Each structure stands twice: as structure tokens, then as C-alpha cells.
Protein backbone atom coordinates (compact mmCIF):
# COMPACT_ATOMS: atom_id res chain seq x y z
CA MET A 1 88.36 97.05 82.44
CA LYS A 2 86.65 99.12 79.75
CA SER A 3 83.72 101.33 80.67
CA LYS A 4 80.32 100.56 79.14
CA TYR A 5 78.79 103.85 80.30
CA PRO A 6 80.33 106.60 78.19
CA VAL A 7 80.20 110.19 79.38
CA THR A 8 83.07 112.63 78.99
CA ARG A 9 84.17 114.88 81.84
CA ARG A 10 82.61 117.87 80.06
CA ASP A 11 79.36 115.97 79.58
CA PHE A 12 79.36 115.01 83.25
CA LEU A 13 79.56 118.62 84.33
CA ARG A 14 76.58 119.37 82.08
CA LEU A 15 74.75 116.41 83.59
CA THR A 16 75.46 117.61 87.11
CA SER A 17 74.25 121.13 86.47
CA THR A 18 71.10 119.77 84.88
CA ALA A 19 70.46 117.42 87.80
CA ALA A 20 71.01 120.19 90.32
CA ALA A 21 68.40 122.26 88.53
CA GLY A 22 65.92 119.43 88.92
CA ALA A 23 65.68 118.49 85.23
CA VAL A 24 65.16 114.90 84.14
CA ILE A 25 66.23 115.11 80.50
CA LEU A 26 69.61 114.70 78.85
CA PRO A 27 71.35 117.86 77.67
CA LEU A 28 70.87 118.53 73.98
CA GLY A 29 73.02 116.27 71.82
CA MET A 30 74.02 113.96 74.70
CA SER A 31 74.71 110.39 73.64
CA PHE A 32 75.65 107.32 75.65
CA SER A 33 76.53 105.14 72.70
CA ASP A 34 80.12 106.18 72.08
CA SER A 35 83.22 104.84 73.81
CA ALA A 36 84.08 106.45 77.13
CA PRO A 37 87.57 107.42 78.23
CA ALA A 38 89.24 105.05 80.66
CA PRO A 39 88.67 105.86 84.35
CA MET A 40 91.34 107.82 86.17
CA LEU A 41 93.78 105.71 88.16
CA ARG A 42 96.00 106.69 91.06
CA PRO A 43 98.91 104.99 92.84
CA PHE A 44 97.83 103.25 96.03
CA GLY A 45 100.53 103.30 98.67
CA ARG A 46 102.99 100.43 98.39
CA MET A 47 100.52 98.22 96.56
CA LYS A 48 101.07 97.06 93.00
CA ASN A 49 97.68 97.88 91.51
CA LYS A 50 96.60 101.43 90.89
CA VAL A 51 93.03 102.22 91.92
CA THR A 52 90.17 104.06 90.27
CA THR A 53 89.28 107.34 91.95
CA LEU A 54 85.88 105.90 92.92
CA GLY A 55 85.46 102.60 94.72
CA LEU A 56 82.19 100.84 95.48
CA GLY A 57 81.18 100.93 99.13
CA GLY A 58 79.69 97.76 100.58
CA GLN A 59 76.86 99.40 102.52
CA ALA A 60 73.79 101.42 101.45
CA SER A 61 71.56 99.22 99.25
CA ILE A 62 74.15 96.43 99.09
CA GLN A 63 73.71 96.00 102.85
CA TRP A 64 70.22 97.39 103.54
CA THR A 65 68.47 96.42 100.32
CA PRO A 66 65.08 97.99 99.44
CA GLU A 67 62.57 95.60 97.86
CA ASP A 68 62.77 97.32 94.47
CA VAL A 69 66.60 97.35 94.30
CA ASP A 70 68.83 94.57 92.97
CA PRO A 71 72.15 94.85 94.86
CA VAL A 72 73.91 92.56 92.39
CA SER A 73 73.13 94.96 89.55
CA ILE A 74 74.80 97.77 91.49
CA ILE A 75 77.98 95.71 91.73
CA THR A 76 78.00 94.57 88.11
CA LYS A 77 77.31 98.11 86.91
CA ALA A 78 80.33 99.27 88.90
CA PHE A 79 82.41 96.69 87.03
CA ASP A 80 80.94 97.88 83.73
CA LEU A 81 81.88 101.47 84.54
CA GLY A 82 85.48 100.40 85.07
CA ILE A 83 85.59 100.73 88.86
CA ASN A 84 88.29 98.45 90.28
CA TYR A 85 88.05 98.91 94.07
CA PHE A 86 85.35 97.01 95.99
CA ASP A 87 84.58 97.26 99.70
CA THR A 88 82.68 95.00 102.10
CA SER A 89 82.85 93.74 105.70
CA ASN A 90 81.92 90.97 108.09
CA VAL A 91 79.50 93.34 109.83
CA TYR A 92 77.62 94.39 106.68
CA ASP A 93 74.89 91.75 106.88
CA LEU A 94 74.35 90.24 103.39
CA SER A 95 76.90 92.45 101.63
CA GLN A 96 79.52 89.74 101.10
CA LEU A 97 76.87 87.33 99.77
CA HIS A 98 75.65 89.92 97.28
CA TYR A 99 79.22 90.30 96.09
CA HIS A 100 79.39 86.51 95.66
CA SER A 101 76.38 86.61 93.34
CA ALA A 102 78.02 89.38 91.32
CA PHE A 103 81.34 87.52 91.22
CA GLU A 104 79.57 84.49 89.77
CA LYS A 105 78.27 86.67 86.95
CA MET A 106 81.72 88.23 86.46
CA ASN A 107 83.54 84.85 86.42
CA LEU A 108 85.52 85.66 89.56
CA ILE A 109 85.03 82.37 91.44
CA PRO A 110 88.37 80.48 91.56
CA GLY A 111 88.35 76.88 90.40
CA LYS A 112 85.51 77.27 87.92
CA PRO A 113 86.30 76.63 84.23
CA ASN A 114 85.46 80.21 83.25
CA TYR A 115 87.48 81.84 86.07
CA ASP A 116 88.82 85.18 84.82
CA LYS A 117 92.18 85.38 86.56
CA GLU A 118 93.22 88.47 84.64
CA LEU A 119 90.12 90.37 85.76
CA ARG A 120 90.60 89.19 89.35
CA GLU A 121 94.18 90.43 89.40
CA SER A 122 93.13 93.82 88.03
CA ILE A 123 90.76 94.66 90.89
CA THR A 124 91.14 95.25 94.62
CA ILE A 125 88.70 93.52 96.99
CA THR A 126 88.70 94.64 100.61
CA SER A 127 86.88 93.16 103.57
CA LYS A 128 87.08 93.95 107.27
CA THR A 129 87.01 92.34 110.70
CA LEU A 130 85.78 93.93 113.92
CA MET A 131 87.30 91.11 115.95
CA ARG A 132 90.18 92.34 118.11
CA TRP A 133 91.31 89.06 119.69
CA GLY A 134 93.13 86.16 118.04
CA LYS A 135 92.01 83.25 120.22
CA PRO A 136 88.63 82.20 121.64
CA GLY A 137 87.90 82.77 125.30
CA TRP A 138 89.01 86.38 125.27
CA GLU A 139 88.47 88.58 128.28
CA GLU A 140 86.18 91.57 128.28
CA VAL A 141 88.20 94.80 128.23
CA GLU A 142 86.70 98.28 128.48
CA ASN A 143 86.54 100.09 125.11
CA VAL A 144 87.54 96.91 123.25
CA ARG A 145 84.92 95.47 120.89
CA ASN A 146 84.63 92.05 119.28
CA LYS A 147 81.83 91.85 116.74
CA SER A 148 80.84 89.93 113.63
CA ASN A 149 77.63 89.01 111.85
CA GLY A 150 78.86 85.42 111.84
CA GLU A 151 77.05 83.32 114.44
CA ASP A 152 80.05 81.06 115.08
CA VAL A 153 82.76 83.69 114.76
CA GLN A 154 84.97 83.93 117.84
CA THR A 155 88.21 85.29 116.39
CA ALA A 156 89.69 87.28 113.52
CA ALA A 157 90.67 83.99 111.82
CA ASP A 158 87.01 82.96 111.81
CA ASP A 159 86.12 86.24 110.12
CA ILE A 160 88.77 85.74 107.43
CA ARG A 161 87.40 82.31 106.57
CA ARG A 162 83.85 83.67 106.69
CA THR A 163 84.83 86.25 104.08
CA MET A 164 86.28 83.52 101.85
CA THR A 165 83.22 81.28 102.01
CA GLN A 166 80.78 84.15 101.50
CA LEU A 167 82.64 85.84 98.65
CA PHE A 168 83.91 82.78 96.78
CA GLY A 169 82.47 79.62 98.37
CA ASP A 170 79.20 78.05 99.42
CA GLY A 171 78.54 80.41 102.34
CA LYS A 172 78.69 77.43 104.69
CA GLY A 173 82.40 77.39 105.47
CA ASN A 174 83.81 75.97 102.25
CA TYR A 175 85.71 77.94 99.63
CA PRO A 176 87.79 76.97 96.59
CA GLU A 177 91.55 76.92 96.44
CA GLY A 178 92.86 80.20 95.08
CA SER A 179 90.41 82.33 97.06
CA TYR A 180 91.84 85.52 98.51
CA VAL A 181 91.08 89.16 99.17
CA ASP A 182 93.55 91.90 98.49
CA ILE A 183 93.10 93.69 101.80
CA VAL A 184 91.65 92.91 105.22
CA LEU A 185 91.12 95.95 107.42
CA ILE A 186 90.84 96.10 111.19
CA HIS A 187 87.36 97.62 111.19
CA ALA A 188 86.39 100.91 112.86
CA LEU A 189 89.29 101.47 115.24
CA GLU A 190 88.10 103.77 118.02
CA ALA A 191 90.21 103.48 121.18
CA VAL A 192 93.85 103.19 122.21
CA GLU A 193 92.79 100.27 124.42
CA GLU A 194 91.93 98.39 121.23
CA ASN A 195 95.45 99.03 119.94
CA ASP A 196 96.90 97.45 123.07
CA ILE A 197 94.97 94.26 122.32
CA LEU A 198 95.59 94.28 118.57
CA TYR A 199 99.37 94.52 118.99
CA LYS A 200 99.59 91.58 121.43
CA GLY A 201 101.77 88.99 119.71
CA ILE A 202 103.41 91.69 117.59
CA GLU A 203 104.95 93.88 120.28
CA THR A 204 105.13 90.92 122.66
CA PRO A 205 106.02 87.23 122.25
CA ILE A 206 103.27 84.75 121.44
CA LYS A 207 102.77 82.53 124.49
CA PRO A 208 100.71 79.31 124.38
CA ASP A 209 98.84 80.11 127.59
CA GLU A 210 98.03 83.71 126.67
CA ASN A 211 95.82 85.37 124.09
CA PHE A 212 97.05 87.58 121.28
CA GLY A 213 95.58 90.21 119.00
CA ALA A 214 94.10 90.12 115.53
CA LEU A 215 97.10 91.73 113.82
CA VAL A 216 99.40 88.75 114.25
CA VAL A 217 96.59 86.51 112.97
CA LEU A 218 96.20 88.63 109.84
CA LYS A 219 99.95 88.46 109.38
CA ASP A 220 99.80 84.64 109.45
CA PHE A 221 97.09 84.60 106.78
CA ARG A 222 99.00 87.14 104.71
CA ASP A 223 102.32 85.28 104.85
CA GLY A 224 101.04 81.70 104.87
CA THR A 225 102.56 81.04 108.29
CA ASN A 226 101.12 79.55 111.47
CA PHE A 227 102.90 81.22 114.36
CA THR A 228 99.54 81.73 116.09
CA GLY A 229 98.20 78.22 115.56
CA THR A 230 95.14 79.69 113.81
CA ASN A 231 96.33 78.89 110.27
CA PRO A 232 97.20 75.16 110.34
CA LYS A 233 96.92 74.83 106.54
CA ASN A 234 99.35 77.73 106.04
CA GLU A 235 96.84 79.45 103.76
CA LYS A 236 97.48 82.79 102.11
CA LEU A 237 94.03 84.37 102.12
CA LEU A 238 94.94 88.06 102.01
CA LYS A 239 97.67 90.19 100.49
CA HIS A 240 97.63 93.33 102.61
CA ILE A 241 96.66 94.46 106.11
CA GLY A 242 95.16 97.81 107.05
CA PHE A 243 92.58 99.46 109.26
CA SER A 244 89.62 101.80 109.13
CA GLY A 245 88.52 104.60 111.39
CA HIS A 246 86.02 107.46 111.45
CA LYS A 247 85.99 108.56 115.05
CA ASN A 248 89.20 109.09 116.97
CA PRO A 249 92.37 110.47 115.33
CA GLU A 250 94.36 109.93 118.53
CA ALA A 251 93.76 106.17 118.42
CA MET A 252 94.42 106.01 114.68
CA ILE A 253 97.70 107.90 114.99
CA ASP A 254 98.78 105.67 117.88
CA PHE A 255 97.97 102.58 115.82
CA MET A 256 100.16 103.72 112.92
CA GLN A 257 102.98 105.01 115.11
CA ARG A 258 103.27 101.62 116.83
CA ASP A 259 103.74 99.87 113.49
CA GLU A 260 107.52 99.45 113.41
CA TYR A 261 107.12 96.38 111.21
CA ASP A 262 105.55 97.83 108.02
CA LEU A 263 102.44 95.73 108.61
CA LEU A 264 99.93 98.37 107.57
CA ASP A 265 99.38 99.01 103.87
CA ALA A 266 95.89 100.57 103.76
CA LEU A 267 93.77 103.08 105.65
CA LEU A 268 90.05 103.68 105.18
CA VAL A 269 89.30 107.03 106.79
CA SER A 270 86.36 109.41 107.08
CA ILE A 271 86.97 112.64 105.19
CA ASN A 272 84.51 115.22 103.91
CA SER A 273 83.99 118.96 103.62
CA ASN A 274 82.88 119.23 107.27
CA ASP A 275 85.95 117.38 108.57
CA HIS A 276 87.65 120.64 109.58
CA LEU A 277 84.90 121.29 112.14
CA TYR A 278 85.83 118.17 114.12
CA PHE A 279 88.95 116.47 115.52
CA ASN A 280 90.00 116.29 111.92
CA MET A 281 91.55 113.62 109.74
CA GLN A 282 92.99 115.76 106.95
CA HIS A 283 95.70 117.42 109.08
CA ASN A 284 96.28 114.65 111.62
CA VAL A 285 95.68 111.13 110.31
CA ILE A 286 96.04 111.31 106.52
CA PRO A 287 99.47 113.01 106.41
CA LEU A 288 100.87 110.36 108.76
CA ALA A 289 99.48 107.56 106.61
CA LYS A 290 101.12 109.02 103.51
CA ALA A 291 104.44 109.50 105.32
CA LYS A 292 104.35 105.78 106.14
CA GLY A 293 103.56 104.77 102.56
CA ILE A 294 100.02 103.64 103.38
CA GLY A 295 97.32 103.75 100.71
CA VAL A 296 94.43 106.03 101.73
CA ILE A 297 90.75 105.43 100.93
CA GLY A 298 88.29 108.17 101.85
CA MET A 299 84.80 107.40 103.18
CA LYS A 300 81.80 109.22 104.66
CA VAL A 301 82.02 111.67 101.76
CA PHE A 302 78.38 112.64 102.34
CA GLY A 303 78.59 112.18 106.12
CA ALA A 304 77.03 108.70 105.92
CA GLY A 305 74.18 110.38 104.03
CA THR A 306 73.45 112.95 106.74
CA MET A 307 74.33 115.82 104.43
CA TYR A 308 71.15 114.90 102.56
CA LYS A 309 69.03 113.65 105.46
CA GLU A 310 67.44 115.49 108.35
CA VAL A 311 68.29 112.93 111.05
CA PRO A 312 71.98 112.14 111.62
CA GLY A 313 72.89 108.50 112.09
CA PHE A 314 73.93 105.36 110.27
CA SER A 315 71.29 103.71 108.12
CA ARG A 316 69.82 100.65 109.84
CA ARG A 317 66.89 99.91 107.52
CA PRO A 318 66.24 99.99 103.76
CA ASP A 319 63.88 102.95 104.10
CA GLN A 320 66.72 105.04 105.55
CA ILE A 321 68.86 104.74 102.41
CA TYR A 322 69.25 107.99 100.46
CA ARG A 323 68.34 107.28 96.83
CA LYS A 324 68.56 110.65 95.10
CA VAL A 325 71.55 112.33 93.45
CA GLY A 326 72.88 115.12 95.64
CA SER A 327 70.68 118.18 96.05
CA PRO A 328 70.41 121.59 94.36
CA GLU A 329 71.88 123.21 97.49
CA LEU A 330 74.78 120.75 97.76
CA PRO A 331 75.77 119.10 94.46
CA SER A 332 77.35 115.71 95.08
CA ASN A 333 80.17 116.20 92.60
CA GLU A 334 81.62 119.09 94.61
CA LEU A 335 81.76 116.96 97.75
CA ILE A 336 83.47 114.16 95.84
CA GLU A 337 85.98 116.54 94.28
CA TYR A 338 86.73 118.03 97.70
CA VAL A 339 87.73 114.64 99.08
CA LEU A 340 89.76 113.59 96.05
CA THR A 341 91.73 116.86 96.15
CA THR A 342 92.50 116.47 99.85
CA PRO A 343 96.27 115.87 99.96
CA GLY A 344 97.05 112.22 100.58
CA VAL A 345 93.73 110.69 99.49
CA ASP A 346 94.17 108.05 96.77
CA THR A 347 90.57 106.98 96.22
CA LEU A 348 87.21 107.03 97.97
CA ILE A 349 84.29 104.68 98.45
CA ILE A 350 80.61 105.58 98.35
CA GLY A 351 77.70 103.28 99.09
CA ILE A 352 75.03 103.31 96.40
CA GLY A 353 71.33 103.52 97.13
CA GLN A 354 70.02 103.86 93.60
CA ILE A 355 71.10 103.01 90.07
CA ASP A 356 69.10 103.91 87.00
CA ASP A 357 69.34 103.75 83.22
CA ASP A 358 68.80 107.51 83.28
CA PRO A 359 72.22 108.90 84.24
CA LEU A 360 70.60 111.91 85.89
CA LYS A 361 68.96 109.60 88.43
CA CYS A 362 71.82 107.14 88.80
CA GLN A 363 73.96 107.71 91.88
CA LEU A 364 76.67 105.39 90.61
CA THR A 365 77.01 107.13 87.24
CA GLN A 366 76.99 110.59 88.80
CA ASN A 367 79.51 109.63 91.49
CA TYR A 368 81.75 107.92 88.97
CA TYR A 369 82.09 110.92 86.69
CA GLY A 370 82.33 113.26 89.65
CA ALA A 371 85.39 111.29 90.73
CA GLN A 372 87.31 111.88 87.51
CA VAL A 373 89.45 114.57 89.09
CA LYS A 374 93.18 115.09 89.51
CA PRO A 375 94.70 115.43 93.00
CA ASP A 376 95.60 119.11 92.51
CA ALA A 377 92.48 120.18 90.62
CA MET A 378 90.93 122.32 93.37
CA SER A 379 92.28 125.60 94.73
CA GLN A 380 92.32 126.41 98.44
CA GLU A 381 89.78 129.15 97.75
CA LYS A 382 87.40 126.64 96.18
CA ARG A 383 87.89 124.24 99.10
CA ARG A 384 86.98 126.96 101.57
CA SER A 385 83.93 127.83 99.47
CA ILE A 386 82.71 124.21 99.54
CA GLU A 387 83.32 124.01 103.29
CA ALA A 388 81.18 127.10 103.82
CA LYS A 389 78.47 125.81 101.48
CA THR A 390 78.39 122.44 103.26
CA ALA A 391 78.09 123.97 106.71
CA LYS A 392 75.28 126.25 105.52
CA ALA A 393 73.30 123.67 103.53
CA ALA A 394 73.83 120.57 105.69
CA GLY A 395 74.63 122.08 109.06
CA GLU A 396 77.72 121.59 111.17
CA ARG A 397 76.69 118.35 112.92
CA THR A 398 76.84 115.96 109.99
CA ASN A 399 79.84 113.99 111.25
CA PHE A 400 78.10 112.37 114.20
CA PHE A 401 80.64 109.54 113.95
CA GLN A 402 83.64 111.82 114.59
CA LEU A 403 85.00 113.28 117.83
CA ASP A 404 84.44 116.97 118.45
CA ASN A 405 87.16 119.47 117.66
CA VAL A 406 89.83 119.48 120.39
CA GLY A 407 91.50 122.59 119.00
CA LEU A 408 95.21 123.00 118.39
CA THR A 409 97.01 121.11 121.16
CA PRO A 410 100.39 121.59 122.83
CA PRO A 411 103.09 119.01 122.17
CA ARG A 412 102.55 115.86 124.20
CA ASP A 413 104.82 114.05 126.64
CA ILE A 414 107.56 116.70 126.71
CA LYS A 415 110.77 115.39 128.30
CA GLN A 416 113.98 117.19 129.15
CA GLU A 417 117.34 115.66 130.08
CA THR A 418 120.98 116.69 130.27
CA ILE A 419 123.48 114.57 128.34
CA ASN A 420 127.20 115.43 128.24
CA GLY A 421 126.51 119.03 129.16
CA LYS A 422 123.78 119.47 126.55
CA THR A 423 120.04 119.79 127.06
CA LYS A 424 117.94 117.37 125.04
CA ILE A 425 114.21 118.02 124.72
CA THR A 426 111.83 115.49 123.14
CA TRP A 427 108.08 115.47 122.58
CA GLN A 428 105.31 113.58 120.85
CA THR A 429 103.33 115.18 118.04
CA ALA A 430 100.68 117.79 118.73
CA TYR A 431 97.23 117.57 117.14
CA ALA A 432 96.08 120.08 114.54
CA ALA A 433 92.80 121.98 114.46
CA ALA A 434 91.34 123.46 111.25
CA ASP A 435 94.80 124.52 110.04
CA ALA A 436 97.83 122.28 109.61
CA ILE A 437 100.69 122.52 112.10
CA SER A 438 103.66 124.56 110.86
CA HIS A 439 106.38 124.17 113.51
CA TYR A 440 107.31 124.02 117.16
CA GLU A 441 109.03 126.85 119.01
CA ILE A 442 111.38 126.14 121.91
CA LEU A 443 111.33 128.87 124.55
CA LEU A 444 113.73 129.60 127.42
CA ASP A 445 112.54 132.30 129.81
CA ASP A 446 109.89 133.28 127.26
CA THR A 447 112.52 133.82 124.57
CA VAL A 448 112.49 131.70 121.41
CA VAL A 449 115.79 129.81 121.27
CA GLY A 450 114.92 127.25 118.62
CA LYS A 451 112.46 126.05 116.02
CA VAL A 452 111.64 122.55 114.76
CA GLU A 453 109.57 122.09 111.61
CA HIS A 454 106.52 119.89 112.00
CA ARG A 455 106.35 116.69 110.03
CA PRO A 456 104.25 113.56 110.47
CA GLN A 457 105.79 111.58 113.33
CA VAL A 458 105.95 108.11 111.81
CA LEU A 459 106.95 106.19 114.95
CA LYS A 460 106.19 106.74 118.61
CA SER A 461 109.75 105.62 119.35
CA LYS A 462 111.13 108.53 117.30
CA PRO A 463 109.81 111.73 118.93
CA PHE A 464 110.61 115.28 117.90
CA THR A 465 114.00 116.35 119.28
CA PHE A 466 115.80 119.60 120.06
CA VAL A 467 119.34 119.77 121.49
CA THR A 468 121.02 122.91 122.85
CA HIS A 469 124.03 123.94 124.95
CA GLU A 470 121.78 126.21 127.01
CA THR A 471 120.26 125.11 130.31
CA GLY A 472 117.11 126.01 132.19
CA ASN A 473 113.41 125.24 132.10
CA PHE A 474 112.26 125.07 128.50
CA LYS A 475 108.80 125.29 126.97
CA VAL A 476 107.70 123.87 123.62
CA ILE A 477 104.90 125.65 121.75
CA THR A 478 102.88 124.38 118.78
CA VAL A 479 102.32 126.89 115.96
CA ASP A 480 99.95 126.21 113.08
CA LYS A 481 99.97 127.69 109.58
CA ALA A 482 97.42 130.32 110.56
CA GLY A 483 99.65 131.50 113.40
CA HIS A 484 97.64 129.96 116.23
CA ARG A 485 99.72 128.82 119.21
CA ALA A 486 99.25 126.17 121.87
């Protein structure tokens, strides 16, 4: 897709500095009539399509729409800019329906004479389900949620079909042949107990008299199979499976480590310049996703807007949507660049509250050009500077959705056994604090007798291992790159 909103990277930086100073005029000589360079693209895990460095989030004014905002125009402007990643969910109220209206304008409804198959194949559409169970009549389990905006939705399969009818059909259950989304994410994973439900039917056999989790249902709709009985037409309505999370790295790591089947292709994860103050994603979750070949989408770049609002919390009404461009104290482009230079992040999504013909007032235009950054474009010194600026300008409690910092942890589940005269020690990964983990030291009588380099532990069934001829009671210590020990 070719951009219709031309601004060079140099011009964007001039725009940003002008906006931060509070001006509302274009820099001298600025023109928006020339052709713009193509948007930056990055590889996206194992998936075929590369993605633009900015994707359109399905919340903000697309979900909670102010009376003077046209959500469809936000979506079509994103297309015009060249953005090719689009996000929505079954718990985003009218978001999917607004996308349908935009898709009609963009000729993206399958079966219609003007259907633009080439355009459809060039973009990535992602929706989500917060349903954890695969069959109706599920039992209530502590810390396990089942939620959808659909009145008749009882299972993940219902949510998949709801997405199809809202994005491409009549919104009443019908959708044309050829409808599909590129990715369906398990939405907002928060607890290990949810993982136990989601993997039923994957880790265990499917039994007619027992329920199963949403993952095996998504697999049926990905592969066009009907092992669960929920896909009797053997439809292929999605291409990839993934999950999202913004709260609990422990649950997210567990979810990925249990995937011995290469089911997961995408991760939507909270990441911003205050992440290091919490049980962080950048040293715990994101490296594991990349080690498993999973495409990574960043979210909560502005802390769900709390970096620019006094009261932390998710927006629940149109009047809570932030509609300005950054702030003089905390320019939005720096926060975007921070996320896109976090190792492992492929793209990011941002919900849009305000578009405008004046690029200085247009969140979408500003965010788009702020996202034209290479993965290695920011030094560690600059990252630390932005972290300090964020904490000072926005405070340290912006990430209300994220668990508090647990600090550097010791290795977990340490086991020791003797095999053929040798001592074998195994352990599960430790969790990092503000600095990445460097290695593990193995101690015998307080003397270091071995060292194992840290790496993302891709499977729970393959723990870290140390083997020695020595015997005794061993300890394993976590050491991070700043020299902290646990």
C-alpha cells in the first residue's frame, strides 16, 4: 500500500519538536503534496507477511467513540498511510463493526464483485477471544475468565464466528465464503489456572463427556479440522494462533513453555518505558517469545493513556479518551521509539483518539512517523534517559495493569539426583528484574564449581541442567548483568 500522507523522517522530527513546543503551524517550507517514502517493514515471527512498525489498535475512539469522531475515518486513514496491521477484539464493543464499515469502503468484503484480494493478502487482521473453554456448560474455576460482548457467545468457537460476521458479514451470524482473519489471540492471559484450562484437549485427549480448552478449538478453525466437534463445516477462519498479556509474566512464560506443538505464532504484550519498574516484559516474556519464533506486537506504549492522564485506568467512556499528541514534557515519538528499539519487538499498536488534517494535531500521523525507526536505532544511554524522563513526567505508577516488581528471583524448582555416579542438577528459569539475567552459578560448600549461561527456556520440559562428578548439597544462584544475585 502506498502512503497518501507524505512526510519524511526529517520532516517528522521537525513536526514533533514544533508540536512539543505548542505550535500549531507547519515548519517553514513543509509540504504534504509530494510522495512519501514507503513505511518501514519488519519480519514478523514465522509469518509470511512483514508488518509495518505501527499497527492500528482497536480501542480508543474506535471502541469508545466521541460524538465528533468518525471511527471509520481513523481506519481508512491508517490504510492511506500504509499501515498494514489492524487490531480488534470480541470485547471491544463496536470495534469490529467499525472495521466492517471501513472494509466495505476498502473493498475487503469477500464475495463482492469489487473484492480486493491483493490488498487483503497484504494486510494482517487480528482479533481476540476472552473465552477460555471450548464447549458450553463450562464449570466456574477460580482465576479463569470467560467473557465476550456477544450475547449468545458461550465458547471460543462462537467468538470466532462472531468476528467473521461482524468484520465481513451482516453482523447477525452470516458471513461470506472466503472470510478469515490472519490471527486470533487468546485475550489478556493473566493466570496459570487459565493455562490449565486452555491446554485441555492439547496436553490431554479430547473426551466426548469432558470439556476442553479454547486452544484446540482455535487449532480446528486454523487447520479446517473438526476434532472438537465445534467446526462441523471444516472451515478455515484463521491462519495463526497467539495470545496477549499485560499483567503477569509468570503466566505468559508458562503458556509459551507448555507449547510443545508450535501452536503459538503471535504475542501481543505490554511494553513501555516504565516496564522496568514492574515485573517486566522486556527481560522475561519478550526474549522467550523471540526464542520460540513468535511474532511480537507491543502495546500500552503510553500506559493505556495514563502517561498523559492524571487518573490511571482503562478508558470506559468516550470522554476518557486522550485526544492530544503527546505532551511537551513527554513527547510521544520518544516513547514509540523506545518500544520499537526494545530487542524482540516487531511492531506495536496504538489506539487513536484523534485524527486531523493538521498533522500537528493528528495522533495517527504523529505516531506513524514516530514509528519509522530501525530496531537498533537507540543507544542504551538514550533508553535510560527516556526511562528517567518517563518516571519523572508521568510518575512510576502508570502501568496499573502490570504486576509489581518481584525483583531478581532465584532459580525455580531446583532438583538434584545422582545418576551413574554423577550429580545432575536441574532448575526452571529465574525471573529478571530491571536488568537481564546473565548466568547461573552452581555452588558447593559456598564455592563456585560451575556456571551455566542464561538463555530463554523455551520448554518447561527442558530445564537448565548442570552435571558434575562432585557430590554434596549444591546451591544454584541467579546472577544478572548488573551483578545482582538471588
